[in-house]
PDB file of N, CA and C in Angstrom:
ATOM      1  N   MET A   1      81.049 104.343  85.780  1.00  0.00           N
ATOM      2  CA  MET A   1      81.644 103.037  85.919  1.00  0.00           C
ATOM      3  C   MET A   1      80.613 102.121  86.580  1.00  0.00           C
ATOM      4  N   THR A   2      80.388 101.014  85.958  1.00  0.00           N
ATOM      5  CA  THR A   2      79.402 100.082  86.489  1.00  0.00           C
ATOM      6  C   THR A   2      79.967  99.337  87.688  1.00  0.00           C
ATOM      7  N   LYS A   3      79.066  98.669  88.387  1.00  0.00           N
ATOM      8  CA  LYS A   3      79.470  97.931  89.580  1.00  0.00           C
ATOM      9  C   LYS A   3      80.418  96.785  89.224  1.00  0.00           C
ATOM     10  N   GLN A   4      80.167  96.126  88.090  1.00  0.00           N
ATOM     11  CA  GLN A   4      81.027  95.020  87.659  1.00  0.00           C
ATOM     12  C   GLN A   4      82.425  95.536  87.293  1.00  0.00           C
ATOM     13  N   ASN A   5      82.480  96.669  86.605  1.00  0.00           N
ATOM     14  CA  ASN A   5      83.778  97.252  86.243  1.00  0.00           C
ATOM     15  C   ASN A   5      84.567  97.646  87.486  1.00  0.00           C
ATOM     16  N   ARG A   6      83.880  98.231  88.462  1.00  0.00           N
ATOM     17  CA  ARG A   6      84.542  98.633  89.696  1.00  0.00           C
ATOM     18  C   ARG A   6      85.072  97.408  90.435  1.00  0.00           C
ATOM     19  N   LYS A   7      84.292  96.325  90.415  1.00  0.00           N
ATOM     20  CA  LYS A   7      84.723  95.083  91.075  1.00  0.00           C
ATOM     21  C   LYS A   7      85.995  94.540  90.419  1.00  0.00           C
ATOM     22  N   GLU A   8      86.052  94.541  89.093  1.00  0.00           N
ATOM     23  CA  GLU A   8      87.231  94.057  88.371  1.00  0.00           C
ATOM     24  C   GLU A   8      88.459  94.921  88.668  1.00  0.00           C
ATOM     25  N   LEU A   9      88.253  96.216  88.745  1.00  0.00           N
ATOM     26  CA  LEU A   9      89.346  97.142  89.052  1.00  0.00           C
ATOM     27  C   LEU A   9      89.876  96.897  90.464  1.00  0.00           C
ATOM     28  N   ILE A  10      88.978  96.687  91.414  1.00  0.00           N
ATOM     29  CA  ILE A  10      89.385  96.426  92.796  1.00  0.00           C
ATOM     30  C   ILE A  10      90.127  95.099  92.895  1.00  0.00           C
ATOM     31  N   ILE A  11      89.660  94.087  92.173  1.00  0.00           N
ATOM     32  CA  ILE A  11      90.352  92.792  92.170  1.00  0.00           C
ATOM     33  C   ILE A  11      91.773  92.961  91.652  1.00  0.00           C
ATOM     34  N   GLY A  12      91.939  93.689  90.562  1.00  0.00           N
ATOM     35  CA  GLY A  12      93.267  93.936  90.019  1.00  0.00           C
ATOM     36  C   GLY A  12      94.149  94.704  90.987  1.00  0.00           C
ATOM     37  N   PHE A  13      93.553  95.685  91.679  1.00  0.00           N
ATOM     38  CA  PHE A  13      94.304  96.470  92.656  1.00  0.00           C
ATOM     39  C   PHE A  13      94.788  95.584  93.798  1.00  0.00           C
ATOM     40  N   LEU A  14      93.904  94.740  94.315  1.00  0.00           N
ATOM     41  CA  LEU A  14      94.280  93.850  95.415  1.00  0.00           C
ATOM     42  C   LEU A  14      95.328  92.825  94.983  1.00  0.00           C
ATOM     43  N   VAL A  15      95.184  92.304  93.768  1.00  0.00           N
ATOM     44  CA  VAL A  15      96.190  91.361  93.258  1.00  0.00           C
ATOM     45  C   VAL A  15      97.536  92.064  93.115  1.00  0.00           C
ATOM     46  N   GLY A  16      97.531  93.312  92.679  1.00  0.00           N
ATOM     47  CA  GLY A  16      98.768  94.079  92.564  1.00  0.00           C
ATOM     48  C   GLY A  16      99.426  94.307  93.913  1.00  0.00           C
ATOM     49  N   LEU A  17      98.633  94.615  94.932  1.00  0.00           N
ATOM     50  CA  LEU A  17      99.199  94.788  96.268  1.00  0.00           C
ATOM     51  C   LEU A  17      99.723  93.467  96.821  1.00  0.00           C
ATOM     52  N   LEU A  18      98.992  92.380  96.569  1.00  0.00           N
ATOM     53  CA  LEU A  18      99.455  91.071  97.019  1.00  0.00           C
ATOM     54  C   LEU A  18     100.746  90.665  96.310  1.00  0.00           C
ATOM     55  N   ALA A  19     100.850  90.971  95.024  1.00  0.00           N
ATOM     56  CA  ALA A  19     102.073  90.656  94.285  1.00  0.00           C
ATOM     57  C   ALA A  19     103.252  91.459  94.837  1.00  0.00           C
ATOM     58  N   THR A  20     103.009  92.702  95.234  1.00  0.00           N
ATOM     59  CA  THR A  20     104.061  93.513  95.838  1.00  0.00           C
ATOM     60  C   THR A  20     104.470  92.936  97.188  1.00  0.00           C
ATOM     61  N   PHE A  21     103.491  92.546  97.991  1.00  0.00           N
ATOM     62  CA  PHE A  21     103.797  91.924  99.282  1.00  0.00           C
ATOM     63  C   PHE A  21     104.570  90.630  99.078  1.00  0.00           C
ATOM     64  N   PHE A  22     104.164  89.835  98.092  1.00  0.00           N
ATOM     65  CA  PHE A  22     104.862  88.590  97.787  1.00  0.00           C
ATOM     66  C   PHE A  22     106.299  88.868  97.359  1.00  0.00           C
ATOM     67  N   GLY A  23     106.505  89.880  96.525  1.00  0.00           N
ATOM     68  CA  GLY A  23     107.850  90.256  96.101  1.00  0.00           C
ATOM     69  C   GLY A  23     108.706  90.705  97.268  1.00  0.00           C
ATOM     70  N   PHE A  24     108.120  91.459  98.196  1.00  0.00           N
ATOM     71  CA  PHE A  24     108.839  91.896  99.390  1.00  0.00           C
ATOM     72  C   PHE A  24     109.227  90.693 100.241  1.00  0.00           C
ATOM     73  N   PHE A  25     108.292  89.775 100.425  1.00  0.00           N
ATOM     74  CA  PHE A  25     108.561  88.587 101.232  1.00  0.00           C
ATOM     75  C   PHE A  25     109.657  87.732 100.603  1.00  0.00           C
ATOM     76  N   VAL A  26     109.590  87.538  99.290  1.00  0.00           N
ATOM     77  CA  VAL A  26     110.609  86.734  98.608  1.00  0.00           C
ATOM     78  C   VAL A  26     111.978  87.388  98.753  1.00  0.00           C
ATOM     79  N   TYR A  27     112.039  88.697  98.607  1.00  0.00           N
ATOM     80  CA  TYR A  27     113.323  89.384  98.759  1.00  0.00           C
ATOM     81  C   TYR A  27     113.869  89.214 100.168  1.00  0.00           C
ATOM     82  N   VAL A  28     113.041  89.476 101.159  1.00  0.00           N
ATOM     83  CA  VAL A  28     113.502  89.434 102.545  1.00  0.00           C
ATOM     84  C   VAL A  28     113.851  88.013 102.972  1.00  0.00           C
ATOM     85  N   GLU A  29     113.067  87.052 102.547  1.00  0.00           N
ATOM     86  CA  GLU A  29     113.255  85.684 103.022  1.00  0.00           C
ATOM     87  C   GLU A  29     114.328  84.919 102.243  1.00  0.00           C
ATOM     88  N   PHE A  30     114.372  85.093 100.929  1.00  0.00           N
ATOM     89  CA  PHE A  30     115.224  84.235 100.120  1.00  0.00           C
ATOM     90  C   PHE A  30     116.429  84.926  99.481  1.00  0.00           C
ATOM     91  N   VAL A  31     116.327  86.188  99.170  1.00  0.00           N
ATOM     92  CA  VAL A  31     117.422  86.882  98.481  1.00  0.00           C
ATOM     93  C   VAL A  31     118.427  87.440  99.480  1.00  0.00           C
ATOM     94  N   SER A  32     117.918  87.986 100.569  1.00  0.00           N
ATOM     95  CA  SER A  32     118.793  88.575 101.570  1.00  0.00           C
ATOM     96  C   SER A  32     119.587  87.480 102.288  1.00  0.00           C
ATOM     97  N   PRO A  33     120.883  87.706 102.500  1.00  0.00           N
ATOM     98  CA  PRO A  33     121.698  86.686 103.180  1.00  0.00           C
ATOM     99  C   PRO A  33     121.432  86.613 104.683  1.00  0.00           C
ATOM    100  N   TYR A  34     120.690  87.563 105.233  1.00  0.00           N
ATOM    101  CA  TYR A  34     120.408  87.599 106.661  1.00  0.00           C
ATOM    102  C   TYR A  34     119.044  86.996 106.938  1.00  0.00           C
ATOM    103  N   GLY A  35     118.721  86.822 108.193  1.00  0.00           N
ATOM    104  CA  GLY A  35     117.415  86.324 108.595  1.00  0.00           C
ATOM    105  C   GLY A  35     116.343  87.377 108.394  1.00  0.00           C
ATOM    106  N   PHE A  36     115.104  86.982 108.582  1.00  0.00           N
ATOM    107  CA  PHE A  36     113.975  87.881 108.344  1.00  0.00           C
ATOM    108  C   PHE A  36     114.054  89.109 109.251  1.00  0.00           C
ATOM    109  N   ASP A  37     114.209  88.887 110.550  1.00  0.00           N
ATOM    110  CA  ASP A  37     114.252  90.006 111.499  1.00  0.00           C
ATOM    111  C   ASP A  37     115.450  90.916 111.254  1.00  0.00           C
ATOM    112  N   GLU A  38     116.597  90.310 110.961  1.00  0.00           N
ATOM    113  CA  GLU A  38     117.806  91.108 110.712  1.00  0.00           C
ATOM    114  C   GLU A  38     117.644  91.959 109.452  1.00  0.00           C
ATOM    115  N   THR A  39     117.041  91.386 108.417  1.00  0.00           N
ATOM    116  CA  THR A  39     116.849  92.130 107.171  1.00  0.00           C
ATOM    117  C   THR A  39     115.915  93.310 107.375  1.00  0.00           C
ATOM    118  N   ILE A  40     114.823  93.096 108.102  1.00  0.00           N
ATOM    119  CA  ILE A  40     113.889  94.194 108.383  1.00  0.00           C
ATOM    120  C   ILE A  40     114.600  95.288 109.180  1.00  0.00           C
ATOM    121  N   LYS A  41     115.445  94.899 110.125  1.00  0.00           N
ATOM    122  CA  LYS A  41     116.193  95.877 110.921  1.00  0.00           C
ATOM    123  C   LYS A  41     117.170  96.659 110.045  1.00  0.00           C
ATOM    124  N   ILE A  42     117.858  95.961 109.130  1.00  0.00           N
ATOM    125  CA  ILE A  42     118.804  96.627 108.228  1.00  0.00           C
ATOM    126  C   ILE A  42     118.078  97.597 107.304  1.00  0.00           C
ATOM    127  N   ILE A  43     116.925  97.184 106.795  1.00  0.00           N
ATOM    128  CA  ILE A  43     116.130  98.054 105.921  1.00  0.00           C
ATOM    129  C   ILE A  43     115.700  99.297 106.683  1.00  0.00           C
ATOM    130  N   SER A  44     115.277  99.112 107.921  1.00  0.00           N
ATOM    131  CA  SER A  44     114.816 100.230 108.727  1.00  0.00           C
ATOM    132  C   SER A  44     115.962 101.178 109.076  1.00  0.00           C
ATOM    133  N   GLU A  45     117.085 100.627 109.500  1.00  0.00           N
ATOM    134  CA  GLU A  45     118.221 101.472 109.895  1.00  0.00           C
ATOM    135  C   GLU A  45     118.853 102.179 108.703  1.00  0.00           C
ATOM    136  N   GLY A  46     118.905 101.505 107.567  1.00  0.00           N
ATOM    137  CA  GLY A  46     119.534 102.085 106.390  1.00  0.00           C
ATOM    138  C   GLY A  46     118.604 102.952 105.560  1.00  0.00           C
ATOM    139  N   ASP A  47     117.348 103.087 106.008  1.00  0.00           N
ATOM    140  CA  ASP A  47     116.342 103.862 105.283  1.00  0.00           C
ATOM    141  C   ASP A  47     116.241 103.378 103.833  1.00  0.00           C
ATOM    142  N   LEU A  48     116.115 102.079 103.676  1.00  0.00           N
ATOM    143  CA  LEU A  48     116.104 101.444 102.358  1.00  0.00           C
ATOM    144  C   LEU A  48     114.713 101.031 101.906  1.00  0.00           C
ATOM    145  N   TYR A  49     113.676 101.568 102.519  1.00  0.00           N
ATOM    146  CA  TYR A  49     112.309 101.164 102.165  1.00  0.00           C
ATOM    147  C   TYR A  49     112.004 101.393 100.693  1.00  0.00           C
ATOM    148  N   GLY A  50     112.434 102.506 100.162  1.00  0.00           N
ATOM    149  CA  GLY A  50     112.146 102.826  98.764  1.00  0.00           C
ATOM    150  C   GLY A  50     112.775 101.833  97.805  1.00  0.00           C
ATOM    151  N   LYS A  51     114.004 101.503  98.045  1.00  0.00           N
ATOM    152  CA  LYS A  51     114.700 100.571  97.159  1.00  0.00           C
ATOM    153  C   LYS A  51     114.102  99.169  97.235  1.00  0.00           C
ATOM    154  N   VAL A  52     113.789  98.728  98.435  1.00  0.00           N
ATOM    155  CA  VAL A  52     113.225  97.389  98.595  1.00  0.00           C
ATOM    156  C   VAL A  52     111.807  97.329  98.030  1.00  0.00           C
ATOM    157  N   LEU A  53     111.012  98.367  98.236  1.00  0.00           N
ATOM    158  CA  LEU A  53     109.660  98.387  97.667  1.00  0.00           C
ATOM    159  C   LEU A  53     109.707  98.432  96.145  1.00  0.00           C
ATOM    160  N   GLY A  54     110.687  99.112  95.608  1.00  0.00           N
ATOM    161  CA  GLY A  54     110.850  99.131  94.152  1.00  0.00           C
ATOM    162  C   GLY A  54     111.138  97.739  93.603  1.00  0.00           C
ATOM    163  N   LEU A  55     111.992  96.995  94.291  1.00  0.00           N
ATOM    164  CA  LEU A  55     112.253  95.613  93.883  1.00  0.00           C
ATOM    165  C   LEU A  55     111.042  94.725  94.114  1.00  0.00           C
ATOM    166  N   ALA A  56     110.319  94.994  95.185  1.00  0.00           N
ATOM    167  CA  ALA A  56     109.157  94.166  95.513  1.00  0.00           C
ATOM    168  C   ALA A  56     108.019  94.353  94.519  1.00  0.00           C
ATOM    169  N   ALA A  57     107.997  95.467  93.812  1.00  0.00           N
ATOM    170  CA  ALA A  57     106.927  95.725  92.850  1.00  0.00           C
ATOM    171  C   ALA A  57     107.158  95.029  91.511  1.00  0.00           C
ATOM    172  N   LEU A  58     108.301  94.403  91.317  1.00  0.00           N
ATOM    173  CA  LEU A  58     108.584  93.726  90.047  1.00  0.00           C
ATOM    174  C   LEU A  58     107.599  92.605  89.696  1.00  0.00           C
ATOM    175  N   PRO A  59     107.099  91.821  90.646  1.00  0.00           N
ATOM    176  CA  PRO A  59     106.097  90.809  90.263  1.00  0.00           C
ATOM    177  C   PRO A  59     104.825  91.401  89.666  1.00  0.00           C
ATOM    178  N   ASN A  60     104.569  92.678  89.920  1.00  0.00           N
ATOM    179  CA  ASN A  60     103.404  93.322  89.313  1.00  0.00           C
ATOM    180  C   ASN A  60     103.502  93.335  87.789  1.00  0.00           C
ATOM    181  N   LEU A  61     104.706  93.401  87.287  1.00  0.00           N
ATOM    182  CA  LEU A  61     104.911  93.373  85.839  1.00  0.00           C
ATOM    183  C   LEU A  61     104.393  92.065  85.249  1.00  0.00           C
ATOM    184  N   PHE A  62     104.727  90.969  85.892  1.00  0.00           N
ATOM    185  CA  PHE A  62     104.251  89.658  85.447  1.00  0.00           C
ATOM    186  C   PHE A  62     102.725  89.577  85.521  1.00  0.00           C
ATOM    187  N   VAL A  63     102.143  90.003  86.648  1.00  0.00           N
ATOM    188  CA  VAL A  63     100.695  89.945  86.829  1.00  0.00           C
ATOM    189  C   VAL A  63      99.995  90.836  85.798  1.00  0.00           C
ATOM    190  N   PHE A  64     100.547  92.008  85.558  1.00  0.00           N
ATOM    191  CA  PHE A  64      99.969  92.936  84.588  1.00  0.00           C
ATOM    192  C   PHE A  64      99.886  92.301  83.199  1.00  0.00           C
ATOM    193  N   PHE A  65     100.972  91.685  82.749  1.00  0.00           N
ATOM    194  CA  PHE A  65     100.960  91.084  81.416  1.00  0.00           C
ATOM    195  C   PHE A  65     100.100  89.830  81.344  1.00  0.00           C
ATOM    196  N   VAL A  66      99.967  89.106  82.440  1.00  0.00           N
ATOM    197  CA  VAL A  66      99.045  87.963  82.453  1.00  0.00           C
ATOM    198  C   VAL A  66      97.612  88.449  82.264  1.00  0.00           C
ATOM    199  N   PHE A  67      97.235  89.515  82.968  1.00  0.00           N
ATOM    200  CA  PHE A  67      95.886  90.052  82.810  1.00  0.00           C
ATOM    201  C   PHE A  67      95.662  90.588  81.402  1.00  0.00           C
ATOM    202  N   LEU A  68      96.668  91.217  80.824  1.00  0.00           N
ATOM    203  CA  LEU A  68      96.520  91.699  79.446  1.00  0.00           C
ATOM    204  C   LEU A  68      96.386  90.545  78.465  1.00  0.00           C
ATOM    205  N   LYS A  69      97.155  89.498  78.670  1.00  0.00           N
ATOM    206  CA  LYS A  69      97.095  88.327  77.788  1.00  0.00           C
ATOM    207  C   LYS A  69      95.727  87.659  77.852  1.00  0.00           C
ATOM    208  N   LYS A  70      95.109  87.661  79.043  1.00  0.00           N
ATOM    209  CA  LYS A  70      93.790  87.062  79.223  1.00  0.00           C
ATOM    210  C   LYS A  70      92.662  88.018  78.837  1.00  0.00           C
ATOM    211  N   LYS A  71      93.015  89.180  78.322  1.00  0.00           N
ATOM    212  CA  LYS A  71      92.057  90.212  77.922  1.00  0.00           C
ATOM    213  C   LYS A  71      91.206  90.711  79.103  1.00  0.00           C
ATOM    214  N   GLN A  72      91.840  90.798  80.260  1.00  0.00           N
ATOM    215  CA  GLN A  72      91.195  91.349  81.453  1.00  0.00           C
ATOM    216  C   GLN A  72      91.781  92.732  81.707  1.00  0.00           C
ATOM    217  N   ASP A  73      91.380  93.661  80.863  1.00  0.00           N
ATOM    218  CA  ASP A  73      91.979  94.991  80.870  1.00  0.00           C
ATOM    219  C   ASP A  73      91.714  95.761  82.166  1.00  0.00           C
ATOM    220  N   LEU A  74      90.527  95.606  82.744  1.00  0.00           N
ATOM    221  CA  LEU A  74      90.240  96.345  83.972  1.00  0.00           C
ATOM    222  C   LEU A  74      91.080  95.838  85.138  1.00  0.00           C
ATOM    223  N   ARG A  75      91.307  94.545  85.194  1.00  0.00           N
ATOM    224  CA  ARG A  75      92.176  94.016  86.245  1.00  0.00           C
ATOM    225  C   ARG A  75      93.611  94.499  86.034  1.00  0.00           C
ATOM    226  N   ALA A  76      94.057  94.551  84.791  1.00  0.00           N
ATOM    227  CA  ALA A  76      95.393  95.072  84.496  1.00  0.00           C
ATOM    228  C   ALA A  76      95.485  96.539  84.900  1.00  0.00           C
ATOM    229  N   ARG A  77      94.399  97.268  84.702  1.00  0.00           N
ATOM    230  CA  ARG A  77      94.370  98.670  85.112  1.00  0.00           C
ATOM    231  C   ARG A  77      94.458  98.786  86.636  1.00  0.00           C
ATOM    232  N   GLY A  78      93.834  97.853  87.351  1.00  0.00           N
ATOM    233  CA  GLY A  78      93.927  97.837  88.808  1.00  0.00           C
ATOM    234  C   GLY A  78      95.347  97.559  89.285  1.00  0.00           C
ATOM    235  N   VAL A  79      96.043  96.654  88.589  1.00  0.00           N
ATOM    236  CA  VAL A  79      97.443  96.378  88.930  1.00  0.00           C
ATOM    237  C   VAL A  79      98.288  97.630  88.694  1.00  0.00           C
ATOM    238  N   LEU A  80      98.021  98.324  87.613  1.00  0.00           N
ATOM    239  CA  LEU A  80      98.742  99.560  87.329  1.00  0.00           C
ATOM    240  C   LEU A  80      98.474 100.606  88.410  1.00  0.00           C
ATOM    241  N   LEU A  81      97.231 100.670  88.876  1.00  0.00           N
ATOM    242  CA  LEU A  81      96.884 101.582  89.960  1.00  0.00           C
ATOM    243  C   LEU A  81      97.642 101.217  91.240  1.00  0.00           C
ATOM    244  N   ALA A  82      97.769  99.918  91.511  1.00  0.00           N
ATOM    245  CA  ALA A  82      98.540  99.472  92.677  1.00  0.00           C
ATOM    246  C   ALA A  82     100.003  99.878  92.531  1.00  0.00           C
ATOM    247  N   CYS A  83     100.537  99.812  91.323  1.00  0.00           N
ATOM    248  CA  CYS A  83     101.924 100.243  91.092  1.00  0.00           C
ATOM    249  C   CYS A  83     102.088 101.732  91.384  1.00  0.00           C
ATOM    250  N   PHE A  84     101.093 102.521  90.998  1.00  0.00           N
ATOM    251  CA  PHE A  84     101.152 103.951  91.287  1.00  0.00           C
ATOM    252  C   PHE A  84     101.088 104.209  92.789  1.00  0.00           C
ATOM    253  N   VAL A  85     100.280 103.448  93.503  1.00  0.00           N
ATOM    254  CA  VAL A  85     100.189 103.609  94.957  1.00  0.00           C
ATOM    255  C   VAL A  85     101.524 103.245  95.605  1.00  0.00           C
ATOM    256  N   VAL A  86     102.141 102.162  95.151  1.00  0.00           N
ATOM    257  CA  VAL A  86     103.447 101.762  95.691  1.00  0.00           C
ATOM    258  C   VAL A  86     104.494 102.822  95.354  1.00  0.00           C
ATOM    259  N   ALA A  87     104.456 103.351  94.142  1.00  0.00           N
ATOM    260  CA  ALA A  87     105.407 104.405  93.756  1.00  0.00           C
ATOM    261  C   ALA A  87     105.209 105.651  94.615  1.00  0.00           C
ATOM    262  N   PHE A  88     103.966 105.983  94.918  1.00  0.00           N
ATOM    263  CA  PHE A  88     103.692 107.124  95.789  1.00  0.00           C
ATOM    264  C   PHE A  88     104.202 106.854  97.201  1.00  0.00           C
ATOM    265  N   ALA A  89     104.055 105.611  97.678  1.00  0.00           N
ATOM    266  CA  ALA A  89     104.568 105.251  99.006  1.00  0.00           C
ATOM    267  C   ALA A  89     106.099 105.361  99.026  1.00  0.00           C
ATOM    268  N   ILE A  90     106.748 104.957  97.924  1.00  0.00           N
ATOM    269  CA  ILE A  90     108.195 105.093  97.828  1.00  0.00           C
ATOM    270  C   ILE A  90     108.598 106.562  97.870  1.00  0.00           C
ATOM    271  N   LEU A  91     107.874 107.389  97.144  1.00  0.00           N
ATOM    272  CA  LEU A  91     108.150 108.822  97.125  1.00  0.00           C
ATOM    273  C   LEU A  91     108.004 109.431  98.508  1.00  0.00           C
ATOM    274  N   ILE A  92     106.949 109.069  99.206  1.00  0.00           N
ATOM    275  CA  ILE A  92     106.732 109.581 100.561  1.00  0.00           C
ATOM    276  C   ILE A  92     107.843 109.099 101.501  1.00  0.00           C
ATOM    277  N   SER A  93     108.242 107.818 101.361  1.00  0.00           N
ATOM    278  CA  SER A  93     109.271 107.292 102.266  1.00  0.00           C
ATOM    279  C   SER A  93     110.622 107.956 102.039  1.00  0.00           C
ATOM    280  N   GLN A  94     110.874 108.464 100.859  1.00  0.00           N
ATOM    281  CA  GLN A  94     112.146 109.130 100.587  1.00  0.00           C
ATOM    282  C   GLN A  94     112.231 110.492 101.262  1.00  0.00           C
ATOM    283  N   PHE A  95     111.080 111.133 101.498  1.00  0.00           N
ATOM    284  CA  PHE A  95     111.081 112.462 102.088  1.00  0.00           C
ATOM    285  C   PHE A  95     110.816 112.474 103.573  1.00  0.00           C
ATOM    286  N   LEU A  96     110.462 111.335 104.148  1.00  0.00           N
ATOM    287  CA  LEU A  96     110.201 111.301 105.605  1.00  0.00           C
ATOM    288  C   LEU A  96     111.348 110.774 106.361  1.00  0.00           C
TER     289      LEU A  96
END
């Protein structure tokens, strides 16, 4: 893998993580009927990290298809890699 290819993959990975963070923030701030602190407390007490992270990863779908439409396949691959990392984090959170 060349240095340029690795750079494109890393950019896609970071964009995928940012899209997940953005999805989490939008859910906590705008979708939840409670305040930010209360929602985080409810998520923590109810052990709902997996479900919320699953919803937060939905913007990755949009980013992935935008990269594919622009023919930026390596960046799309990075977003897919970020989705796998988030899925692995969800899996780990379910067993801990």
